[in-house]
Amino acid sequence: MLSASDLAGRLAQNAETVCRHYLSAGRRAGNYWLVGDVANSRGRSLYVHLIGPRAGRWTDAATGQFGDLLDLVREACGLVDFRDVAEEARHFLSLPQPEPVSDLRGDVGDGPPAERPARERARRLFRMTEPLAGTLADIYLRDRGILRASAHGALRFHPSCYYRDLVTGRTSSYPALIAAVTDAAGAITGVHRSWLDPDGVGKAKVDDPRRALGGLLGNGVRFRYPVTNPVPVLAAGEGIETMLSLSHVMPGMPMVAALTANHLAGFHFPPGCRRIYIAADADAAGRHGIEGLSRRAQAHGILPLVLSPELGDFNDDLRRLGPGRLTASLKAQLTPEDAVAFLP
């Protein structure tokens, strides 16, 4: 198992990627990443060295806090126990997790949730869910113009999903849309949770109503995605609702939601892939994900093609312009072969 210094060194080798993931409100300025604080506020008082012998070291000029990227992960995620910090770092780096060790109480599964590996907790949570059809999560997606979400096995509903405020530590529970994150073989590596307002008015009124748990890097939430056959053509993007909106008008095309721009850039291509359509997000992080995935696709001999919405995102297009207009817009962006194969 890697030591703390080894983990910090691995993170420092990917300092900018770490910053883009955990401090997404910041930006690169020369050889530094600038952001407001470890809570990911906008500003410039915290700076992280991105290259050179001090890569990964950071200082908050306003508070006097400083440390390495393990300290940054701990503060950004609100973690206390080093075991949880190390687990988070290993997941980010896609390193194998150490075998769980039993304590005096018996099997590790009997301990509190934080003591179980994140992938195990994700799988356990998914087993506790119920089918999506007719639930509050189904109603939420229908309000977003996504009418056939219950046909996707990756989507489930949890009526009372645990939520912890990372700032105050207070805990509560809300109904939630649960999405399975899987690898290319279909094995669950994580889950994505979208907490919902119990009264049915959009998302829950919390600071961060969306969170992922488990192994994301290289994986994603998959829709209409075969796990036993080659996948010559697919579409990939960040958000679940973005990809569900595309799937609504192209139900035959395999799709994957990688959940963040950094994880989109690192998505693992399926065997036999020839073309990948990348659903555009207009922000800087979205452009970073598109550029990263495009470069990797080209290096693998795969043709990357970007799909752009007319409005802010593809869910806006679906809701405000309607499925007919969205279909026409996509027809102009797909190859003629794919337009015939995947559009009505």
Foldseek 3Di string as FASTA:
>chain_A
DDDPVRLLVVCLVVVVLLCCVLQVLWDDDVQWTAAQDLCNHHDGQKIAGNDDPRRQWIARNVPGDIDGVLVSQCSSQLHDDSLLSVLVSCLVVVHDDDDQDDDPVGDQVVDDPSSDRQQVSQVVVVVQFAQDPPDLVQVLLVVLVLNPVSVFPQKTKDAWAWDADSPPRDIGTAIWIKGFKAALQRDGFKIKIQGDDPVSDGGDPDPDRIDIIGRLAQIFRKALHDSPDFQQEAEEEADPSQFSLVCSFFVNHIYGHSNWLSSLLRHHHGPNHAEYEYEAAPDPSRVSSLVSNCVVCVVVNHHYFYQYDPDRGSSCCCVPVHSVVSLVSVLVRDDVVVNVVGGD
